[in-house]
Amino acid sequence: QVRSDRDKFTIMLDVKHFSPEDLSVKIIDDFVEIHGKHSERQDDHGYISREFHRRYRLPANVDQAAITCSLSNDGMLTFSGPKVPSNMD
């Protein structure tokens, strides 16, 4: 889920199948890249591995220095950055 309102840009992703060390969040130019991968492990039916890549364009007015990223106990990753008010001259 991506939300962009007047003062904030927020991405919320359900990553409950990944542990914190399986996740990486990078800002490259005007994009945020979220990557999750866990190595093959055994489950009831055999072996399974999971991987995902997500790329989102950041709005131009997001303050990249003030971006926060957190992971809740129930596996919800929240990435958010405040928007800089545009100067109306």
PDB file of N, CA and C in Angstrom:
ATOM      1  N   GLN A   1       0.851  -1.178   0.000  1.00  0.00           N
ATOM      2  CA  GLN A   1       0.000   0.000   0.000  1.00  0.00           C
ATOM      3  C   GLN A   1       0.900   1.245   0.000  1.00  0.00           C
ATOM      4  N   VAL A   2       0.641   2.144  -0.923  1.00  0.00           N
ATOM      5  CA  VAL A   2       1.400   3.390  -1.013  1.00  0.00           C
ATOM      6  C   VAL A   2       0.443   4.537  -0.789  1.00  0.00           C
ATOM      7  N   ARG A   3       0.828   5.458   0.104  1.00  0.00           N
ATOM      8  CA  ARG A   3      -0.020   6.601   0.360  1.00  0.00           C
ATOM      9  C   ARG A   3       0.805   7.869   0.215  1.00  0.00           C
ATOM     10  N   SER A   4       0.268   8.802  -0.513  1.00  0.00           N
ATOM     11  CA  SER A   4       0.955  10.069  -0.670  1.00  0.00           C
ATOM     12  C   SER A   4      -0.063  11.168  -0.424  1.00  0.00           C
ATOM     13  N   ASP A   5       0.096  11.860   0.704  1.00  0.00           N
ATOM     14  CA  ASP A   5      -0.813  12.970   0.955  1.00  0.00           C
ATOM     15  C   ASP A   5      -0.018  14.271   1.001  1.00  0.00           C
ATOM     16  N   ARG A   6      -0.635  15.316   1.488  1.00  0.00           N
ATOM     17  CA  ARG A   6      -0.002  16.629   1.398  1.00  0.00           C
ATOM     18  C   ARG A   6       1.329  16.705   2.133  1.00  0.00           C
ATOM     19  N   ASP A   7       1.415  16.098   3.330  1.00  0.00           N
ATOM     20  CA  ASP A   7       2.652  16.276   4.089  1.00  0.00           C
ATOM     21  C   ASP A   7       3.508  15.025   4.216  1.00  0.00           C
ATOM     22  N   LYS A   8       3.066  13.896   3.654  1.00  0.00           N
ATOM     23  CA  LYS A   8       3.837  12.678   3.888  1.00  0.00           C
ATOM     24  C   LYS A   8       3.676  11.675   2.754  1.00  0.00           C
ATOM     25  N   PHE A   9       4.748  10.911   2.522  1.00  0.00           N
ATOM     26  CA  PHE A   9       4.730   9.806   1.565  1.00  0.00           C
ATOM     27  C   PHE A   9       5.007   8.540   2.365  1.00  0.00           C
ATOM     28  N   THR A  10       4.144   7.544   2.247  1.00  0.00           N
ATOM     29  CA  THR A  10       4.272   6.331   3.059  1.00  0.00           C
ATOM     30  C   THR A  10       4.091   5.086   2.205  1.00  0.00           C
ATOM     31  N   ILE A  11       4.946   4.096   2.459  1.00  0.00           N
ATOM     32  CA  ILE A  11       4.788   2.774   1.851  1.00  0.00           C
ATOM     33  C   ILE A  11       4.626   1.791   3.003  1.00  0.00           C
ATOM     34  N   MET A  12       3.618   0.923   2.899  1.00  0.00           N
ATOM     35  CA  MET A  12       3.455  -0.137   3.898  1.00  0.00           C
ATOM     36  C   MET A  12       3.446  -1.469   3.173  1.00  0.00           C
ATOM     37  N   LEU A  13       4.332  -2.368   3.593  1.00  0.00           N
ATOM     38  CA  LEU A  13       4.452  -3.678   2.953  1.00  0.00           C
ATOM     39  C   LEU A  13       4.380  -4.771   3.999  1.00  0.00           C
ATOM     40  N   ASP A  14       3.627  -5.816   3.689  1.00  0.00           N
ATOM     41  CA  ASP A  14       3.573  -6.974   4.570  1.00  0.00           C
ATOM     42  C   ASP A  14       4.759  -7.876   4.239  1.00  0.00           C
ATOM     43  N   VAL A  15       5.713  -7.966   5.156  1.00  0.00           N
ATOM     44  CA  VAL A  15       6.918  -8.770   4.911  1.00  0.00           C
ATOM     45  C   VAL A  15       7.075  -9.833   6.001  1.00  0.00           C
ATOM     46  N   LYS A  16       5.948 -10.366   6.470  1.00  0.00           N
ATOM     47  CA  LYS A  16       6.015 -11.265   7.627  1.00  0.00           C
ATOM     48  C   LYS A  16       6.782 -12.554   7.348  1.00  0.00           C
ATOM     49  N   HIS A  17       6.979 -12.905   6.074  1.00  0.00           N
ATOM     50  CA  HIS A  17       7.742 -14.123   5.769  1.00  0.00           C
ATOM     51  C   HIS A  17       9.245 -13.886   5.783  1.00  0.00           C
ATOM     52  N   PHE A  18       9.666 -12.653   6.074  1.00  0.00           N
ATOM     53  CA  PHE A  18      11.084 -12.314   6.049  1.00  0.00           C
ATOM     54  C   PHE A  18      11.524 -11.797   7.409  1.00  0.00           C
ATOM     55  N   SER A  19      12.719 -12.158   7.808  1.00  0.00           N
ATOM     56  CA  SER A  19      13.259 -11.598   9.047  1.00  0.00           C
ATOM     57  C   SER A  19      13.997 -10.306   8.707  1.00  0.00           C
ATOM     58  N   PRO A  20      14.273  -9.456   9.706  1.00  0.00           N
ATOM     59  CA  PRO A  20      14.899  -8.155   9.411  1.00  0.00           C
ATOM     60  C   PRO A  20      16.197  -8.280   8.615  1.00  0.00           C
ATOM     61  N   GLU A  21      16.989  -9.306   8.894  1.00  0.00           N
ATOM     62  CA  GLU A  21      18.249  -9.432   8.150  1.00  0.00           C
ATOM     63  C   GLU A  21      18.047  -9.902   6.710  1.00  0.00           C
ATOM     64  N   ASP A  22      16.840 -10.336   6.370  1.00  0.00           N
ATOM     65  CA  ASP A  22      16.531 -10.724   4.988  1.00  0.00           C
ATOM     66  C   ASP A  22      16.111  -9.538   4.129  1.00  0.00           C
ATOM     67  N   LEU A  23      15.948  -8.378   4.740  1.00  0.00           N
ATOM     68  CA  LEU A  23      15.384  -7.221   4.041  1.00  0.00           C
ATOM     69  C   LEU A  23      16.437  -6.150   3.817  1.00  0.00           C
ATOM     70  N   SER A  24      16.334  -5.477   2.675  1.00  0.00           N
ATOM     71  CA  SER A  24      17.176  -4.305   2.467  1.00  0.00           C
ATOM     72  C   SER A  24      16.334  -3.206   1.836  1.00  0.00           C
ATOM     73  N   VAL A  25      16.560  -1.994   2.286  1.00  0.00           N
ATOM     74  CA  VAL A  25      15.849  -0.824   1.778  1.00  0.00           C
ATOM     75  C   VAL A  25      16.910   0.186   1.375  1.00  0.00           C
ATOM     76  N   LYS A  26      16.888   0.578   0.103  1.00  0.00           N
ATOM     77  CA  LYS A  26      17.883   1.530  -0.402  1.00  0.00           C
ATOM     78  C   LYS A  26      17.185   2.643  -1.142  1.00  0.00           C
ATOM     79  N   ILE A  27      17.779   3.823  -1.069  1.00  0.00           N
ATOM     80  CA  ILE A  27      17.297   4.942  -1.883  1.00  0.00           C
ATOM     81  C   ILE A  27      18.342   5.192  -2.953  1.00  0.00           C
ATOM     82  N   ILE A  28      17.928   5.044  -4.195  1.00  0.00           N
ATOM     83  CA  ILE A  28      18.813   5.260  -5.330  1.00  0.00           C
ATOM     84  C   ILE A  28      18.157   6.301  -6.218  1.00  0.00           C
ATOM     85  N   ASP A  29      18.806   7.450  -6.324  1.00  0.00           N
ATOM     86  CA  ASP A  29      18.244   8.587  -7.057  1.00  0.00           C
ATOM     87  C   ASP A  29      16.864   8.916  -6.492  1.00  0.00           C
ATOM     88  N   ASP A  30      15.836   8.897  -7.339  1.00  0.00           N
ATOM     89  CA  ASP A  30      14.492   9.238  -6.864  1.00  0.00           C
ATOM     90  C   ASP A  30      13.638   8.009  -6.604  1.00  0.00           C
ATOM     91  N   PHE A  31      14.267   6.871  -6.378  1.00  0.00           N
ATOM     92  CA  PHE A  31      13.519   5.639  -6.151  1.00  0.00           C
ATOM     93  C   PHE A  31      13.898   5.036  -4.815  1.00  0.00           C
ATOM     94  N   VAL A  32      12.931   4.378  -4.197  1.00  0.00           N
ATOM     95  CA  VAL A  32      13.242   3.544  -3.042  1.00  0.00           C
ATOM     96  C   VAL A  32      13.108   2.106  -3.524  1.00  0.00           C
ATOM     97  N   GLU A  33      14.119   1.304  -3.211  1.00  0.00           N
ATOM     98  CA  GLU A  33      14.100  -0.104  -3.589  1.00  0.00           C
ATOM     99  C   GLU A  33      14.038  -0.936  -2.324  1.00  0.00           C
ATOM    100  N   ILE A  34      13.041  -1.810  -2.285  1.00  0.00           N
ATOM    101  CA  ILE A  34      12.878  -2.698  -1.140  1.00  0.00           C
ATOM    102  C   ILE A  34      13.056  -4.115  -1.658  1.00  0.00           C
ATOM    103  N   HIS A  35      13.965  -4.842  -1.028  1.00  0.00           N
ATOM    104  CA  HIS A  35      14.308  -6.178  -1.492  1.00  0.00           C
ATOM    105  C   HIS A  35      14.262  -7.120  -0.306  1.00  0.00           C
ATOM    106  N   GLY A  36      13.639  -8.256  -0.495  1.00  0.00           N
ATOM    107  CA  GLY A  36      13.608  -9.269   0.548  1.00  0.00           C
ATOM    108  C   GLY A  36      13.963 -10.615  -0.048  1.00  0.00           C
ATOM    109  N   LYS A  37      14.782 -11.366   0.666  1.00  0.00           N
ATOM    110  CA  LYS A  37      15.145 -12.697   0.171  1.00  0.00           C
ATOM    111  C   LYS A  37      15.514 -13.557   1.358  1.00  0.00           C
ATOM    112  N   HIS A  38      14.942 -14.739   1.398  1.00  0.00           N
ATOM    113  CA  HIS A  38      15.473 -15.667   2.386  1.00  0.00           C
ATOM    114  C   HIS A  38      15.893 -16.939   1.685  1.00  0.00           C
ATOM    115  N   SER A  39      16.925 -17.544   2.260  1.00  0.00           N
ATOM    116  CA  SER A  39      17.502 -18.715   1.631  1.00  0.00           C
ATOM    117  C   SER A  39      16.536 -19.890   1.731  1.00  0.00           C
ATOM    118  N   GLU A  40      16.836 -20.897   0.967  1.00  0.00           N
ATOM    119  CA  GLU A  40      15.966 -22.062   0.912  1.00  0.00           C
ATOM    120  C   GLU A  40      15.851 -22.681   2.303  1.00  0.00           C
ATOM    121  N   ARG A  41      14.629 -22.981   2.682  1.00  0.00           N
ATOM    122  CA  ARG A  41      14.440 -23.687   3.945  1.00  0.00           C
ATOM    123  C   ARG A  41      13.357 -24.735   3.765  1.00  0.00           C
ATOM    124  N   GLN A  42      13.320 -25.653   4.696  1.00  0.00           N
ATOM    125  CA  GLN A  42      12.391 -26.756   4.568  1.00  0.00           C
ATOM    126  C   GLN A  42      11.045 -26.389   5.183  1.00  0.00           C
ATOM    127  N   ASP A  43       9.966 -26.806   4.497  1.00  0.00           N
ATOM    128  CA  ASP A  43       8.648 -26.684   5.109  1.00  0.00           C
ATOM    129  C   ASP A  43       7.965 -28.041   4.997  1.00  0.00           C
ATOM    130  N   ASP A  44       6.651 -28.102   5.226  1.00  0.00           N
ATOM    131  CA  ASP A  44       5.939 -29.384   5.235  1.00  0.00           C
ATOM    132  C   ASP A  44       5.959 -30.098   3.886  1.00  0.00           C
ATOM    133  N   HIS A  45       6.144 -29.344   2.809  1.00  0.00           N
ATOM    134  CA  HIS A  45       6.009 -29.925   1.475  1.00  0.00           C
ATOM    135  C   HIS A  45       7.334 -30.072   0.735  1.00  0.00           C
ATOM    136  N   GLY A  46       8.437 -29.688   1.335  1.00  0.00           N
ATOM    137  CA  GLY A  46       9.721 -29.740   0.635  1.00  0.00           C
ATOM    138  C   GLY A  46      10.541 -28.522   1.009  1.00  0.00           C
ATOM    139  N   TYR A  47      11.145 -27.931  -0.017  1.00  0.00           N
ATOM    140  CA  TYR A  47      11.981 -26.749   0.223  1.00  0.00           C
ATOM    141  C   TYR A  47      11.347 -25.533  -0.419  1.00  0.00           C
ATOM    142  N   ILE A  48      11.511 -24.402   0.226  1.00  0.00           N
ATOM    143  CA  ILE A  48      10.918 -23.169  -0.299  1.00  0.00           C
ATOM    144  C   ILE A  48      11.904 -22.022  -0.097  1.00  0.00           C
ATOM    145  N   SER A  49      11.965 -21.150  -1.078  1.00  0.00           N
ATOM    146  CA  SER A  49      12.699 -19.896  -0.880  1.00  0.00           C
ATOM    147  C   SER A  49      11.832 -18.785  -1.450  1.00  0.00           C
ATOM    148  N   ARG A  50      11.947 -17.620  -0.882  1.00  0.00           N
ATOM    149  CA  ARG A  50      11.126 -16.491  -1.318  1.00  0.00           C
ATOM    150  C   ARG A  50      12.019 -15.302  -1.605  1.00  0.00           C
ATOM    151  N   GLU A  51      11.595 -14.517  -2.576  1.00  0.00           N
ATOM    152  CA  GLU A  51      12.321 -13.295  -2.891  1.00  0.00           C
ATOM    153  C   GLU A  51      11.356 -12.303  -3.520  1.00  0.00           C
ATOM    154  N   PHE A  52      11.537 -11.020  -3.214  1.00  0.00           N
ATOM    155  CA  PHE A  52      10.751  -9.998  -3.893  1.00  0.00           C
ATOM    156  C   PHE A  52      11.595  -8.742  -4.071  1.00  0.00           C
ATOM    157  N   HIS A  53      11.249  -7.987  -5.087  1.00  0.00           N
ATOM    158  CA  HIS A  53      11.851  -6.678  -5.358  1.00  0.00           C
ATOM    159  C   HIS A  53      10.712  -5.705  -5.565  1.00  0.00           C
ATOM    160  N   ARG A  54      10.754  -4.590  -4.896  1.00  0.00           N
ATOM    161  CA  ARG A  54       9.769  -3.536  -5.134  1.00  0.00           C
ATOM    162  C   ARG A  54      10.527  -2.244  -5.364  1.00  0.00           C
ATOM    163  N   ARG A  55      10.057  -1.455  -6.316  1.00  0.00           N
ATOM    164  CA  ARG A  55      10.676  -0.170  -6.587  1.00  0.00           C
ATOM    165  C   ARG A  55       9.593   0.879  -6.679  1.00  0.00           C
ATOM    166  N   TYR A  56       9.746   1.948  -5.939  1.00  0.00           N
ATOM    167  CA  TYR A  56       8.753   3.020  -5.931  1.00  0.00           C
ATOM    168  C   TYR A  56       9.457   4.336  -6.238  1.00  0.00           C
ATOM    169  N   ARG A  57       8.821   5.170  -7.035  1.00  0.00           N
ATOM    170  CA  ARG A  57       9.369   6.504  -7.293  1.00  0.00           C
ATOM    171  C   ARG A  57       8.994   7.412  -6.126  1.00  0.00           C
ATOM    172  N   LEU A  58       9.997   8.085  -5.596  1.00  0.00           N
ATOM    173  CA  LEU A  58       9.739   9.035  -4.513  1.00  0.00           C
ATOM    174  C   LEU A  58       9.261  10.353  -5.104  1.00  0.00           C
ATOM    175  N   PRO A  59       8.251  10.949  -4.520  1.00  0.00           N
ATOM    176  CA  PRO A  59       7.855  12.284  -4.974  1.00  0.00           C
ATOM    177  C   PRO A  59       9.025  13.250  -4.826  1.00  0.00           C
ATOM    178  N   ALA A  60       9.122  14.207  -5.723  1.00  0.00           N
ATOM    179  CA  ALA A  60      10.256  15.133  -5.740  1.00  0.00           C
ATOM    180  C   ALA A  60      10.369  15.942  -4.459  1.00  0.00           C
ATOM    181  N   ASN A  61       9.253  16.177  -3.771  1.00  0.00           N
ATOM    182  CA  ASN A  61       9.294  17.035  -2.590  1.00  0.00           C
ATOM    183  C   ASN A  61       9.452  16.275  -1.271  1.00  0.00           C
ATOM    184  N   VAL A  62       9.839  14.997  -1.327  1.00  0.00           N
ATOM    185  CA  VAL A  62      10.082  14.255  -0.087  1.00  0.00           C
ATOM    186  C   VAL A  62      11.472  14.616   0.440  1.00  0.00           C
ATOM    187  N   ASP A  63      11.539  14.877   1.741  1.00  0.00           N
ATOM    188  CA  ASP A  63      12.817  15.186   2.382  1.00  0.00           C
ATOM    189  C   ASP A  63      13.557  13.869   2.634  1.00  0.00           C
ATOM    190  N   GLN A  64      14.494  13.540   1.746  1.00  0.00           N
ATOM    191  CA  GLN A  64      15.167  12.244   1.835  1.00  0.00           C
ATOM    192  C   GLN A  64      16.015  12.116   3.093  1.00  0.00           C
ATOM    193  N   ALA A  65      16.441  13.231   3.661  1.00  0.00           N
ATOM    194  CA  ALA A  65      17.249  13.171   4.887  1.00  0.00           C
ATOM    195  C   ALA A  65      16.409  12.785   6.101  1.00  0.00           C
ATOM    196  N   ALA A  66      15.101  12.911   6.005  1.00  0.00           N
ATOM    197  CA  ALA A  66      14.241  12.658   7.166  1.00  0.00           C
ATOM    198  C   ALA A  66      13.405  11.389   7.010  1.00  0.00           C
ATOM    199  N   ILE A  67      13.767  10.536   6.069  1.00  0.00           N
ATOM    200  CA  ILE A  67      13.001   9.307   5.840  1.00  0.00           C
ATOM    201  C   ILE A  67      13.228   8.324   6.984  1.00  0.00           C
ATOM    202  N   THR A  68      12.151   7.647   7.377  1.00  0.00           N
ATOM    203  CA  THR A  68      12.267   6.614   8.401  1.00  0.00           C
ATOM    204  C   THR A  68      11.742   5.302   7.837  1.00  0.00           C
ATOM    205  N   CYS A  69      12.246   4.216   8.403  1.00  0.00           N
ATOM    206  CA  CYS A  69      11.801   2.893   7.977  1.00  0.00           C
ATOM    207  C   CYS A  69      11.749   2.036   9.233  1.00  0.00           C
ATOM    208  N   SER A  70      10.631   1.347   9.429  1.00  0.00           N
ATOM    209  CA  SER A  70      10.520   0.512  10.627  1.00  0.00           C
ATOM    210  C   SER A  70       9.813  -0.789  10.284  1.00  0.00           C
ATOM    211  N   LEU A  71      10.040  -1.774  11.135  1.00  0.00           N
ATOM    212  CA  LEU A  71       9.435  -3.088  10.961  1.00  0.00           C
ATOM    213  C   LEU A  71       8.702  -3.430  12.245  1.00  0.00           C
ATOM    214  N   SER A  72       7.390  -3.677  12.122  1.00  0.00           N
ATOM    215  CA  SER A  72       6.608  -3.981  13.325  1.00  0.00           C
ATOM    216  C   SER A  72       6.740  -5.462  13.681  1.00  0.00           C
ATOM    217  N   ASN A  73       6.297  -5.807  14.883  1.00  0.00           N
ATOM    218  CA  ASN A  73       6.391  -7.194  15.339  1.00  0.00           C
ATOM    219  C   ASN A  73       5.570  -8.145  14.491  1.00  0.00           C
ATOM    220  N   ASP A  74       4.506  -7.636  13.859  1.00  0.00           N
ATOM    221  CA  ASP A  74       3.671  -8.514  13.042  1.00  0.00           C
ATOM    222  C   ASP A  74       4.102  -8.511  11.574  1.00  0.00           C
ATOM    223  N   GLY A  75       5.299  -7.993  11.285  1.00  0.00           N
ATOM    224  CA  GLY A  75       5.848  -8.116   9.941  1.00  0.00           C
ATOM    225  C   GLY A  75       5.401  -7.051   8.957  1.00  0.00           C
ATOM    226  N   MET A  76       5.051  -5.875   9.449  1.00  0.00           N
ATOM    227  CA  MET A  76       4.647  -4.796   8.550  1.00  0.00           C
ATOM    228  C   MET A  76       5.790  -3.796   8.455  1.00  0.00           C
ATOM    229  N   LEU A  77       6.312  -3.630   7.250  1.00  0.00           N
ATOM    230  CA  LEU A  77       7.382  -2.668   7.019  1.00  0.00           C
ATOM    231  C   LEU A  77       6.752  -1.328   6.661  1.00  0.00           C
ATOM    232  N   THR A  78       7.153  -0.282   7.356  1.00  0.00           N
ATOM    233  CA  THR A  78       6.621   1.059   7.090  1.00  0.00           C
ATOM    234  C   THR A  78       7.774   1.977   6.733  1.00  0.00           C
ATOM    235  N   PHE A  79       7.702   2.540   5.542  1.00  0.00           N
ATOM    236  CA  PHE A  79       8.709   3.463   5.032  1.00  0.00           C
ATOM    237  C   PHE A  79       8.000   4.789   4.855  1.00  0.00           C
ATOM    238  N   SER A  80       8.509   5.840   5.471  1.00  0.00           N
ATOM    239  CA  SER A  80       7.816   7.113   5.271  1.00  0.00           C
ATOM    240  C   SER A  80       8.772   8.292   5.324  1.00  0.00           C
ATOM    241  N   GLY A  81       8.403   9.317   4.578  1.00  0.00           N
ATOM    242  CA  GLY A  81       9.203  10.521   4.526  1.00  0.00           C
ATOM    243  C   GLY A  81       8.297  11.732   4.482  1.00  0.00           C
ATOM    244  N   PRO A  82       8.667  12.778   5.231  1.00  0.00           N
ATOM    245  CA  PRO A  82       7.864  13.997   5.203  1.00  0.00           C
ATOM    246  C   PRO A  82       8.079  14.747   3.899  1.00  0.00           C
ATOM    247  N   LYS A  83       7.058  15.442   3.487  1.00  0.00           N
ATOM    248  CA  LYS A  83       7.179  16.254   2.281  1.00  0.00           C
ATOM    249  C   LYS A  83       7.550  17.677   2.674  1.00  0.00           C
ATOM    250  N   VAL A  84       8.418  18.254   1.883  1.00  0.00           N
ATOM    251  CA  VAL A  84       8.825  19.640   2.101  1.00  0.00           C
ATOM    252  C   VAL A  84       7.788  20.533   1.449  1.00  0.00           C
ATOM    253  N   PRO A  85       7.244  21.484   2.201  1.00  0.00           N
ATOM    254  CA  PRO A  85       6.261  22.353   1.569  1.00  0.00           C
ATOM    255  C   PRO A  85       6.904  23.143   0.429  1.00  0.00           C
ATOM    256  N   SER A  86       6.230  23.219  -0.679  1.00  0.00           N
ATOM    257  CA  SER A  86       6.796  23.968  -1.791  1.00  0.00           C
ATOM    258  C   SER A  86       6.571  25.449  -1.537  1.00  0.00           C
ATOM    259  N   ASN A  87       7.568  26.234  -1.845  1.00  0.00           N
ATOM    260  CA  ASN A  87       7.469  27.678  -1.601  1.00  0.00           C
ATOM    261  C   ASN A  87       6.630  28.333  -2.686  1.00  0.00           C
ATOM    262  N   MET A  88       5.560  28.939  -2.259  1.00  0.00           N
ATOM    263  CA  MET A  88       4.704  29.650  -3.209  1.00  0.00           C
ATOM    264  C   MET A  88       5.128  31.114  -3.230  1.00  0.00           C
ATOM    265  N   ASP A  89       5.813  31.524  -4.244  1.00  0.00           N
ATOM    266  CA  ASP A  89       6.286  32.912  -4.317  1.00  0.00           C
ATOM    267  C   ASP A  89       5.202  33.813  -4.859  1.00  0.00           C
TER     268      ASP A  89
END
